[in-house]
Amino acid sequence: MRGRCHRSTSLCDPLDSARNSPRVAVGLPARTLDDPFMTIDPATWPSGLTATEDRVQNAFRRGATLDLRTGVPGSDDVAQADSWPDSRQVRAEVIAALLLGAVPPEAGFAPALRLVGADIVGPLDIWQATINFPLALAGCRISDGVKLNECSLRAVNISHSYLKYFEAQIAEIHG
């Protein structure tokens, strides 16, 4: 697992050369003011997930699509995302952690992150990572944008969604 998650206030590197132990960086704020790194141990992650984020994790492990739409005409339109309930929110750092391999796939399944109708909160900001899982976001609001700079990705499909920006400098997308 290789990759970095960059935020304006901290730089998280999943390979800690000083300790030579793997780290999963998910762009969370620092634990203390003197510690600019937030590390999540893959053995204990995920904790503190919302019910929706737990559903995202379970769908990811099986490569299934998680559809958070209500089915009510008009209310699922991304232009109406300000009125969507909190139950449709997924933190971008949860998505980043899944894409960086924080949880193992379910045996017999090929993992993929496929979300429909989600309100993605926070910046999805991953750089210098090899992401071996497809990423598909449809009908989602990603209000803080997506940065996948210097990443190698298997596949990315963001359709019928609102996002503030999409940046993928020097990225390789294979599908």
N, C-alpha and C. Protein backbone atom coordinates (compact mmCIF):
# COMPACT_ATOMS: atom_id res chain seq x y z
N MET A 1 0.85 -1.16 0.00
CA MET A 1 0.00 0.00 0.00
C MET A 1 0.90 1.23 0.00
N ARG A 2 0.75 2.07 -1.02
CA ARG A 2 1.52 3.30 -1.09
C ARG A 2 0.57 4.43 -1.36
N GLY A 3 0.83 5.55 -0.78
CA GLY A 3 0.02 6.71 -1.08
C GLY A 3 0.15 7.76 -0.02
N ARG A 4 -0.22 8.95 -0.39
CA ARG A 4 -0.17 10.07 0.54
C ARG A 4 -1.49 10.82 0.46
N CYS A 5 -1.86 11.39 1.54
CA CYS A 5 -3.05 12.23 1.58
C CYS A 5 -2.61 13.59 2.04
N HIS A 6 -2.74 14.59 1.19
CA HIS A 6 -2.22 15.91 1.48
C HIS A 6 -3.35 16.86 1.82
N ARG A 7 -3.17 17.59 2.88
CA ARG A 7 -4.11 18.66 3.25
C ARG A 7 -3.26 19.89 3.46
N SER A 8 -3.89 21.03 3.42
CA SER A 8 -3.14 22.27 3.56
C SER A 8 -2.45 22.39 4.92
N THR A 9 -2.95 21.71 5.93
CA THR A 9 -2.36 21.83 7.27
C THR A 9 -1.45 20.67 7.64
N SER A 10 -1.50 19.57 6.89
CA SER A 10 -0.67 18.45 7.25
C SER A 10 -0.35 17.62 6.02
N LEU A 11 0.68 16.84 6.13
CA LEU A 11 1.09 15.93 5.08
C LEU A 11 1.20 14.56 5.70
N CYS A 12 0.42 13.63 5.23
CA CYS A 12 0.40 12.29 5.80
C CYS A 12 1.08 11.34 4.84
N ASP A 13 2.03 10.58 5.30
CA ASP A 13 2.76 9.63 4.49
C ASP A 13 2.53 8.24 5.06
N PRO A 14 1.95 7.30 4.29
CA PRO A 14 1.63 5.99 4.84
C PRO A 14 2.85 5.11 5.06
N LEU A 15 4.02 5.51 4.60
CA LEU A 15 5.22 4.75 4.89
C LEU A 15 6.10 5.58 5.79
N ASP A 16 6.17 5.22 7.03
CA ASP A 16 6.97 5.95 8.00
C ASP A 16 8.37 5.35 7.98
N SER A 17 9.30 6.02 7.30
CA SER A 17 10.63 5.46 7.16
C SER A 17 11.36 5.36 8.49
N ALA A 18 11.00 6.20 9.43
CA ALA A 18 11.68 6.16 10.73
C ALA A 18 11.35 4.86 11.47
N ARG A 19 10.09 4.43 11.39
CA ARG A 19 9.70 3.20 12.07
C ARG A 19 9.56 2.04 11.12
N ASN A 20 9.56 2.32 9.80
CA ASN A 20 9.42 1.32 8.76
C ASN A 20 8.15 0.49 8.95
N SER A 21 7.07 1.15 9.33
CA SER A 21 5.81 0.46 9.50
C SER A 21 4.77 1.10 8.58
N PRO A 22 3.85 0.30 8.00
CA PRO A 22 2.86 0.88 7.11
C PRO A 22 1.89 1.78 7.86
N ARG A 23 1.48 2.84 7.20
CA ARG A 23 0.52 3.78 7.78
C ARG A 23 -0.53 4.08 6.74
N VAL A 24 -1.74 4.26 7.17
CA VAL A 24 -2.81 4.67 6.28
C VAL A 24 -3.16 6.10 6.63
N ALA A 25 -3.01 6.99 5.68
CA ALA A 25 -3.28 8.39 5.93
C ALA A 25 -4.60 8.74 5.28
N VAL A 26 -5.44 9.41 6.02
CA VAL A 26 -6.76 9.71 5.49
C VAL A 26 -7.12 11.18 5.55
N GLY A 27 -6.15 12.04 5.78
CA GLY A 27 -6.42 13.47 5.73
C GLY A 27 -7.21 14.01 6.90
N LEU A 28 -7.16 13.34 8.02
CA LEU A 28 -7.87 13.82 9.20
C LEU A 28 -7.01 14.85 9.91
N PRO A 29 -7.59 15.71 10.72
CA PRO A 29 -6.78 16.67 11.45
C PRO A 29 -5.87 15.97 12.45
N ALA A 30 -4.82 16.66 12.84
CA ALA A 30 -3.85 16.09 13.76
C ALA A 30 -4.48 15.79 15.11
N ARG A 31 -3.95 14.79 15.81
CA ARG A 31 -4.46 14.42 17.13
C ARG A 31 -4.11 15.47 18.16
N THR A 32 -2.90 16.00 18.06
CA THR A 32 -2.48 17.06 18.97
C THR A 32 -1.85 18.17 18.15
N LEU A 33 -1.69 19.33 18.77
CA LEU A 33 -1.10 20.45 18.05
C LEU A 33 0.35 20.20 17.67
N ASP A 34 1.07 19.38 18.42
CA ASP A 34 2.46 19.11 18.09
C ASP A 34 2.64 17.87 17.22
N ASP A 35 1.56 17.20 16.83
CA ASP A 35 1.63 16.02 15.98
C ASP A 35 0.88 16.29 14.68
N PRO A 36 1.61 16.63 13.58
CA PRO A 36 0.94 16.96 12.33
C PRO A 36 0.45 15.73 11.58
N PHE A 37 0.71 14.52 12.07
CA PHE A 37 0.30 13.31 11.38
C PHE A 37 -0.86 12.63 12.10
N MET A 38 -1.79 12.15 11.32
CA MET A 38 -2.90 11.37 11.85
C MET A 38 -2.80 10.00 11.21
N THR A 39 -2.56 9.00 12.01
CA THR A 39 -2.38 7.66 11.49
C THR A 39 -3.52 6.78 11.99
N ILE A 40 -4.04 5.99 11.10
CA ILE A 40 -5.06 5.02 11.49
C ILE A 40 -4.47 3.64 11.30
N ASP A 41 -4.44 2.89 12.35
CA ASP A 41 -3.93 1.53 12.30
C ASP A 41 -4.94 0.66 11.55
N PRO A 42 -4.52 -0.01 10.46
CA PRO A 42 -5.46 -0.84 9.71
C PRO A 42 -6.14 -1.90 10.57
N ALA A 43 -5.51 -2.33 11.65
CA ALA A 43 -6.11 -3.35 12.51
C ALA A 43 -7.29 -2.80 13.29
N THR A 44 -7.32 -1.51 13.56
CA THR A 44 -8.41 -0.95 14.34
C THR A 44 -9.36 -0.08 13.52
N TRP A 45 -8.96 0.27 12.30
CA TRP A 45 -9.85 1.09 11.47
C TRP A 45 -10.87 0.20 10.84
N PRO A 46 -12.06 0.55 10.62
CA PRO A 46 -12.64 1.86 10.90
C PRO A 46 -13.36 1.90 12.24
N SER A 47 -13.25 2.99 12.91
CA SER A 47 -14.02 3.22 14.12
C SER A 47 -14.65 4.59 13.99
N GLY A 48 -15.74 4.79 14.66
CA GLY A 48 -16.42 6.08 14.60
C GLY A 48 -17.13 6.33 13.29
N LEU A 49 -17.42 5.28 12.53
CA LEU A 49 -18.14 5.46 11.28
C LEU A 49 -19.61 5.70 11.55
N THR A 50 -20.22 6.51 10.70
CA THR A 50 -21.67 6.65 10.75
C THR A 50 -22.28 5.37 10.15
N ALA A 51 -23.57 5.20 10.31
CA ALA A 51 -24.24 4.04 9.73
C ALA A 51 -24.07 4.02 8.22
N THR A 52 -24.14 5.18 7.58
CA THR A 52 -23.97 5.26 6.13
C THR A 52 -22.55 4.88 5.74
N GLU A 53 -21.55 5.38 6.49
CA GLU A 53 -20.16 5.07 6.18
C GLU A 53 -19.87 3.58 6.37
N ASP A 54 -20.53 2.97 7.35
CA ASP A 54 -20.39 1.53 7.53
C ASP A 54 -20.96 0.79 6.32
N ARG A 55 -22.08 1.27 5.79
CA ARG A 55 -22.66 0.68 4.58
C ARG A 55 -21.72 0.86 3.39
N VAL A 56 -21.06 2.02 3.30
CA VAL A 56 -20.09 2.26 2.22
C VAL A 56 -18.95 1.25 2.33
N GLN A 57 -18.44 1.07 3.53
CA GLN A 57 -17.34 0.12 3.75
C GLN A 57 -17.76 -1.29 3.34
N ASN A 58 -18.94 -1.72 3.75
CA ASN A 58 -19.41 -3.07 3.42
C ASN A 58 -19.60 -3.24 1.92
N ALA A 59 -20.17 -2.23 1.26
CA ALA A 59 -20.35 -2.30 -0.19
C ALA A 59 -19.00 -2.33 -0.90
N PHE A 60 -18.05 -1.51 -0.43
CA PHE A 60 -16.70 -1.48 -1.01
C PHE A 60 -16.06 -2.86 -0.95
N ARG A 61 -16.12 -3.50 0.18
CA ARG A 61 -15.47 -4.81 0.36
C ARG A 61 -16.01 -5.86 -0.59
N ARG A 62 -17.26 -5.70 -1.05
CA ARG A 62 -17.87 -6.64 -1.99
C ARG A 62 -17.90 -6.12 -3.42
N GLY A 63 -17.47 -4.86 -3.63
CA GLY A 63 -17.52 -4.27 -4.96
C GLY A 63 -18.92 -3.90 -5.39
N ALA A 64 -19.83 -3.77 -4.44
CA ALA A 64 -21.23 -3.48 -4.74
C ALA A 64 -21.46 -1.97 -4.84
N THR A 65 -22.52 -1.60 -5.53
CA THR A 65 -22.94 -0.20 -5.61
C THR A 65 -23.85 0.11 -4.44
N LEU A 66 -23.56 1.21 -3.75
CA LEU A 66 -24.43 1.68 -2.68
C LEU A 66 -25.20 2.88 -3.20
N ASP A 67 -26.50 2.73 -3.30
CA ASP A 67 -27.38 3.78 -3.82
C ASP A 67 -28.10 4.44 -2.65
N LEU A 68 -27.78 5.72 -2.41
CA LEU A 68 -28.36 6.46 -1.29
C LEU A 68 -29.54 7.34 -1.70
N ARG A 69 -29.96 7.23 -2.95
CA ARG A 69 -31.09 8.05 -3.41
C ARG A 69 -32.39 7.60 -2.74
N THR A 70 -33.33 8.54 -2.69
CA THR A 70 -34.62 8.26 -2.07
C THR A 70 -35.62 7.66 -3.04
N GLY A 71 -35.43 7.94 -4.32
CA GLY A 71 -36.38 7.49 -5.33
C GLY A 71 -37.52 8.47 -5.55
N VAL A 72 -37.53 9.56 -4.80
CA VAL A 72 -38.55 10.59 -4.95
C VAL A 72 -38.10 11.56 -6.06
N PRO A 73 -38.90 11.70 -7.12
CA PRO A 73 -38.51 12.58 -8.22
C PRO A 73 -38.20 14.00 -7.72
N GLY A 74 -37.09 14.54 -8.19
CA GLY A 74 -36.70 15.89 -7.82
C GLY A 74 -35.84 15.97 -6.59
N SER A 75 -36.12 15.17 -5.57
CA SER A 75 -35.37 15.27 -4.32
C SER A 75 -33.97 14.66 -4.44
N ASP A 76 -33.76 13.82 -5.44
CA ASP A 76 -32.45 13.21 -5.62
C ASP A 76 -31.54 14.02 -6.53
N ASP A 77 -32.07 15.10 -7.09
CA ASP A 77 -31.28 15.96 -7.97
C ASP A 77 -30.14 16.58 -7.17
N VAL A 78 -28.94 16.57 -7.74
CA VAL A 78 -27.77 17.13 -7.05
C VAL A 78 -27.98 18.61 -6.75
N ALA A 79 -28.76 19.29 -7.56
CA ALA A 79 -29.05 20.71 -7.31
C ALA A 79 -29.83 20.89 -6.01
N GLN A 80 -30.45 19.85 -5.50
CA GLN A 80 -31.20 19.90 -4.25
C GLN A 80 -30.40 19.34 -3.07
N ALA A 81 -29.10 19.16 -3.24
CA ALA A 81 -28.28 18.49 -2.22
C ALA A 81 -28.29 19.21 -0.87
N ASP A 82 -28.53 20.52 -0.86
CA ASP A 82 -28.60 21.24 0.42
C ASP A 82 -29.74 20.72 1.30
N SER A 83 -30.74 20.13 0.68
CA SER A 83 -31.88 19.62 1.46
C SER A 83 -31.77 18.12 1.73
N TRP A 84 -30.70 17.48 1.29
CA TRP A 84 -30.53 16.06 1.55
C TRP A 84 -30.31 15.81 3.04
N PRO A 85 -30.82 14.71 3.56
CA PRO A 85 -30.62 14.41 4.99
C PRO A 85 -29.17 14.02 5.26
N ASP A 86 -28.77 14.16 6.52
CA ASP A 86 -27.41 13.80 6.94
C ASP A 86 -27.10 12.33 6.66
N SER A 87 -28.11 11.50 6.54
CA SER A 87 -27.89 10.07 6.31
C SER A 87 -27.27 9.80 4.94
N ARG A 88 -27.18 10.83 4.09
CA ARG A 88 -26.54 10.66 2.78
C ARG A 88 -25.08 11.14 2.80
N GLN A 89 -24.62 11.64 3.95
CA GLN A 89 -23.26 12.18 4.03
C GLN A 89 -22.24 11.06 4.25
N VAL A 90 -21.12 11.21 3.53
CA VAL A 90 -19.98 10.31 3.67
C VAL A 90 -18.74 11.19 3.72
N ARG A 91 -17.93 11.03 4.75
CA ARG A 91 -16.70 11.82 4.84
C ARG A 91 -15.71 11.38 3.76
N ALA A 92 -15.09 12.37 3.12
CA ALA A 92 -14.10 12.09 2.08
C ALA A 92 -12.95 11.27 2.63
N GLU A 93 -12.58 11.47 3.89
CA GLU A 93 -11.48 10.72 4.46
C GLU A 93 -11.79 9.23 4.57
N VAL A 94 -13.06 8.87 4.70
CA VAL A 94 -13.44 7.46 4.71
C VAL A 94 -13.22 6.87 3.31
N ILE A 95 -13.62 7.62 2.30
CA ILE A 95 -13.41 7.17 0.92
C ILE A 95 -11.92 7.03 0.64
N ALA A 96 -11.12 8.01 1.06
CA ALA A 96 -9.67 7.96 0.86
C ALA A 96 -9.08 6.73 1.54
N ALA A 97 -9.48 6.47 2.77
CA ALA A 97 -8.94 5.32 3.50
C ALA A 97 -9.28 4.02 2.80
N LEU A 98 -10.51 3.89 2.31
CA LEU A 98 -10.89 2.68 1.59
C LEU A 98 -10.06 2.52 0.32
N LEU A 99 -9.92 3.60 -0.43
CA LEU A 99 -9.15 3.53 -1.68
C LEU A 99 -7.68 3.21 -1.43
N LEU A 100 -7.17 3.60 -0.27
CA LEU A 100 -5.77 3.33 0.07
C LEU A 100 -5.58 1.98 0.75
N GLY A 101 -6.66 1.19 0.86
CA GLY A 101 -6.52 -0.18 1.36
C GLY A 101 -6.64 -0.35 2.85
N ALA A 102 -7.38 0.51 3.53
CA ALA A 102 -7.50 0.43 4.98
C ALA A 102 -8.25 -0.80 5.47
N VAL A 103 -9.10 -1.36 4.63
CA VAL A 103 -9.82 -2.57 5.02
C VAL A 103 -9.63 -3.63 3.94
N PRO A 104 -9.56 -4.88 4.33
CA PRO A 104 -9.36 -5.94 3.33
C PRO A 104 -10.66 -6.22 2.57
N PRO A 105 -10.54 -6.73 1.35
CA PRO A 105 -11.74 -7.11 0.61
C PRO A 105 -12.38 -8.34 1.25
N GLU A 106 -13.65 -8.51 0.99
CA GLU A 106 -14.33 -9.72 1.44
C GLU A 106 -13.88 -10.86 0.53
N ALA A 107 -13.63 -12.01 1.12
CA ALA A 107 -13.14 -13.16 0.35
C ALA A 107 -14.09 -13.48 -0.80
N GLY A 108 -13.53 -13.65 -1.98
CA GLY A 108 -14.33 -14.00 -3.14
C GLY A 108 -14.91 -12.82 -3.90
N PHE A 109 -14.58 -11.60 -3.48
CA PHE A 109 -15.12 -10.40 -4.13
C PHE A 109 -13.98 -9.49 -4.57
N ALA A 110 -14.23 -8.69 -5.60
CA ALA A 110 -13.28 -7.67 -6.05
C ALA A 110 -13.78 -6.32 -5.54
N PRO A 111 -13.05 -5.67 -4.64
CA PRO A 111 -13.53 -4.41 -4.07
C PRO A 111 -13.59 -3.29 -5.10
N ALA A 112 -14.52 -2.39 -4.88
CA ALA A 112 -14.68 -1.19 -5.70
C ALA A 112 -15.49 -0.20 -4.89
N LEU A 113 -15.24 1.08 -5.12
CA LEU A 113 -16.01 2.10 -4.43
C LEU A 113 -17.00 2.69 -5.43
N ARG A 114 -18.27 2.33 -5.27
CA ARG A 114 -19.33 2.75 -6.18
C ARG A 114 -20.46 3.37 -5.34
N LEU A 115 -20.62 4.68 -5.47
CA LEU A 115 -21.63 5.41 -4.71
C LEU A 115 -22.57 6.15 -5.64
N VAL A 116 -23.83 6.14 -5.30
CA VAL A 116 -24.85 6.89 -6.04
C VAL A 116 -25.61 7.74 -5.04
N GLY A 117 -25.73 9.04 -5.32
CA GLY A 117 -26.54 9.92 -4.50
C GLY A 117 -25.96 10.27 -3.15
N ALA A 118 -24.64 10.28 -3.03
CA ALA A 118 -24.00 10.60 -1.75
C ALA A 118 -23.63 12.07 -1.69
N ASP A 119 -23.62 12.60 -0.48
CA ASP A 119 -23.13 13.95 -0.21
C ASP A 119 -21.76 13.77 0.44
N ILE A 120 -20.71 13.95 -0.34
CA ILE A 120 -19.36 13.68 0.13
C ILE A 120 -18.81 14.95 0.78
N VAL A 121 -18.48 14.82 2.05
CA VAL A 121 -18.11 15.95 2.88
C VAL A 121 -16.60 16.00 3.06
N GLY A 122 -16.01 17.16 2.78
CA GLY A 122 -14.57 17.34 2.91
C GLY A 122 -13.88 17.06 1.59
N PRO A 123 -12.63 17.49 1.49
CA PRO A 123 -11.90 17.29 0.24
C PRO A 123 -11.43 15.84 0.09
N LEU A 124 -11.62 15.29 -1.09
CA LEU A 124 -11.06 13.98 -1.43
C LEU A 124 -9.71 14.27 -2.07
N ASP A 125 -8.66 14.19 -1.28
CA ASP A 125 -7.35 14.69 -1.66
C ASP A 125 -6.31 13.60 -1.42
N ILE A 126 -6.00 12.86 -2.46
CA ILE A 126 -5.02 11.77 -2.38
C ILE A 126 -3.94 12.06 -3.41
N TRP A 127 -2.70 11.86 -3.04
CA TRP A 127 -1.64 12.07 -4.02
C TRP A 127 -0.55 11.02 -3.86
N GLN A 128 0.13 10.78 -4.97
CA GLN A 128 1.21 9.80 -5.06
C GLN A 128 0.78 8.43 -4.56
N ALA A 129 -0.36 7.98 -4.99
CA ALA A 129 -0.88 6.69 -4.55
C ALA A 129 -1.17 5.79 -5.74
N THR A 130 -1.03 4.51 -5.52
CA THR A 130 -1.50 3.53 -6.47
C THR A 130 -2.81 3.00 -5.92
N ILE A 131 -3.88 3.26 -6.64
CA ILE A 131 -5.22 2.87 -6.19
C ILE A 131 -5.70 1.75 -7.10
N ASN A 132 -5.80 0.57 -6.55
CA ASN A 132 -6.12 -0.62 -7.34
C ASN A 132 -7.60 -0.93 -7.42
N PHE A 133 -8.42 0.00 -6.97
CA PHE A 133 -9.85 -0.25 -6.94
C PHE A 133 -10.57 0.78 -7.81
N PRO A 134 -11.61 0.37 -8.54
CA PRO A 134 -12.38 1.35 -9.31
C PRO A 134 -13.10 2.33 -8.38
N LEU A 135 -13.20 3.58 -8.84
CA LEU A 135 -13.92 4.63 -8.14
C LEU A 135 -15.02 5.12 -9.05
N ALA A 136 -16.27 4.99 -8.63
CA ALA A 136 -17.41 5.46 -9.42
C ALA A 136 -18.35 6.24 -8.52
N LEU A 137 -18.58 7.49 -8.87
CA LEU A 137 -19.48 8.37 -8.12
C LEU A 137 -20.51 8.90 -9.12
N ALA A 138 -21.78 8.63 -8.88
CA ALA A 138 -22.83 9.09 -9.77
C ALA A 138 -23.89 9.82 -8.97
N GLY A 139 -24.29 10.98 -9.46
CA GLY A 139 -25.32 11.75 -8.78
C GLY A 139 -24.92 12.18 -7.39
N CYS A 140 -23.63 12.44 -7.20
CA CYS A 140 -23.10 12.81 -5.89
C CYS A 140 -22.76 14.29 -5.84
N ARG A 141 -22.77 14.84 -4.63
CA ARG A 141 -22.23 16.18 -4.42
C ARG A 141 -20.91 16.02 -3.69
N ILE A 142 -19.86 16.56 -4.30
CA ILE A 142 -18.53 16.55 -3.70
C ILE A 142 -18.16 18.01 -3.57
N SER A 143 -18.65 18.64 -2.53
CA SER A 143 -18.59 20.10 -2.42
C SER A 143 -17.18 20.64 -2.27
N ASP A 144 -16.25 19.85 -1.76
CA ASP A 144 -14.89 20.34 -1.58
C ASP A 144 -13.93 19.86 -2.66
N GLY A 145 -14.39 19.17 -3.66
CA GLY A 145 -13.58 18.80 -4.80
C GLY A 145 -12.77 17.53 -4.63
N VAL A 146 -12.09 17.18 -5.73
CA VAL A 146 -11.30 15.96 -5.81
C VAL A 146 -9.91 16.29 -6.35
N LYS A 147 -8.89 15.82 -5.65
CA LYS A 147 -7.51 15.90 -6.13
C LYS A 147 -6.93 14.50 -6.10
N LEU A 148 -6.46 14.06 -7.25
CA LEU A 148 -5.82 12.75 -7.36
C LEU A 148 -4.47 12.92 -8.06
N ASN A 149 -3.71 13.90 -7.63
CA ASN A 149 -2.45 14.23 -8.27
C ASN A 149 -1.42 13.12 -8.08
N GLU A 150 -0.72 12.82 -9.17
CA GLU A 150 0.36 11.84 -9.20
C GLU A 150 -0.10 10.45 -8.77
N CYS A 151 -1.38 10.15 -8.99
CA CYS A 151 -1.92 8.84 -8.64
C CYS A 151 -1.98 7.94 -9.87
N SER A 152 -1.92 6.68 -9.63
CA SER A 152 -2.19 5.68 -10.65
C SER A 152 -3.47 4.98 -10.22
N LEU A 153 -4.49 5.09 -11.06
CA LEU A 153 -5.81 4.58 -10.70
C LEU A 153 -6.27 3.55 -11.71
N ARG A 154 -7.00 2.58 -11.23
CA ARG A 154 -7.55 1.56 -12.11
C ARG A 154 -8.66 2.13 -12.98
N ALA A 155 -9.59 2.86 -12.37
CA ALA A 155 -10.69 3.46 -13.13
C ALA A 155 -11.34 4.54 -12.28
N VAL A 156 -11.77 5.62 -12.94
CA VAL A 156 -12.50 6.70 -12.29
C VAL A 156 -13.68 7.07 -13.17
N ASN A 157 -14.87 7.11 -12.57
CA ASN A 157 -16.06 7.53 -13.29
C ASN A 157 -16.87 8.42 -12.35
N ILE A 158 -16.85 9.71 -12.64
CA ILE A 158 -17.65 10.67 -11.86
C ILE A 158 -18.64 11.27 -12.84
N SER A 159 -19.91 10.89 -12.68
CA SER A 159 -20.92 11.33 -13.64
C SER A 159 -22.14 11.90 -12.93
N HIS A 160 -22.81 12.83 -13.61
CA HIS A 160 -24.04 13.45 -13.10
C HIS A 160 -23.87 13.95 -11.67
N SER A 161 -22.69 14.44 -11.37
CA SER A 161 -22.36 14.88 -10.02
C SER A 161 -21.96 16.34 -10.03
N TYR A 162 -22.01 16.96 -8.83
CA TYR A 162 -21.49 18.31 -8.66
C TYR A 162 -20.19 18.19 -7.89
N LEU A 163 -19.14 18.78 -8.44
CA LEU A 163 -17.90 18.88 -7.71
C LEU A 163 -17.28 20.24 -7.97
N LYS A 164 -16.72 20.80 -6.93
CA LYS A 164 -16.13 22.14 -7.00
C LYS A 164 -14.98 22.16 -8.00
N TYR A 165 -14.16 21.13 -7.99
CA TYR A 165 -13.05 21.01 -8.93
C TYR A 165 -12.61 19.56 -9.00
N PHE A 166 -11.92 19.24 -10.07
CA PHE A 166 -11.29 17.93 -10.23
C PHE A 166 -9.88 18.18 -10.72
N GLU A 167 -8.91 17.66 -9.99
CA GLU A 167 -7.52 17.86 -10.35
C GLU A 167 -6.82 16.51 -10.32
N ALA A 168 -6.14 16.19 -11.42
CA ALA A 168 -5.41 14.93 -11.50
C ALA A 168 -4.12 15.14 -12.29
N GLN A 169 -3.27 16.00 -11.79
CA GLN A 169 -2.01 16.30 -12.47
C GLN A 169 -1.09 15.07 -12.42
N ILE A 170 -0.51 14.77 -13.54
CA ILE A 170 0.43 13.66 -13.69
C ILE A 170 -0.17 12.33 -13.21
N ALA A 171 -1.48 12.20 -13.33
CA ALA A 171 -2.14 10.96 -12.91
C ALA A 171 -2.26 10.00 -14.09
N GLU A 172 -2.29 8.72 -13.78
CA GLU A 172 -2.52 7.70 -14.78
C GLU A 172 -3.83 7.01 -14.42
N ILE A 173 -4.78 7.05 -15.35
CA ILE A 173 -6.06 6.37 -15.14
C ILE A 173 -6.17 5.30 -16.21
N HIS A 174 -6.27 4.05 -15.79
CA HIS A 174 -6.16 2.93 -16.70
C HIS A 174 -7.50 2.43 -17.23
N GLY A 175 -8.58 3.01 -16.85
CA GLY A 175 -9.85 2.51 -17.35
C GLY A 175 -10.95 3.51 -17.22
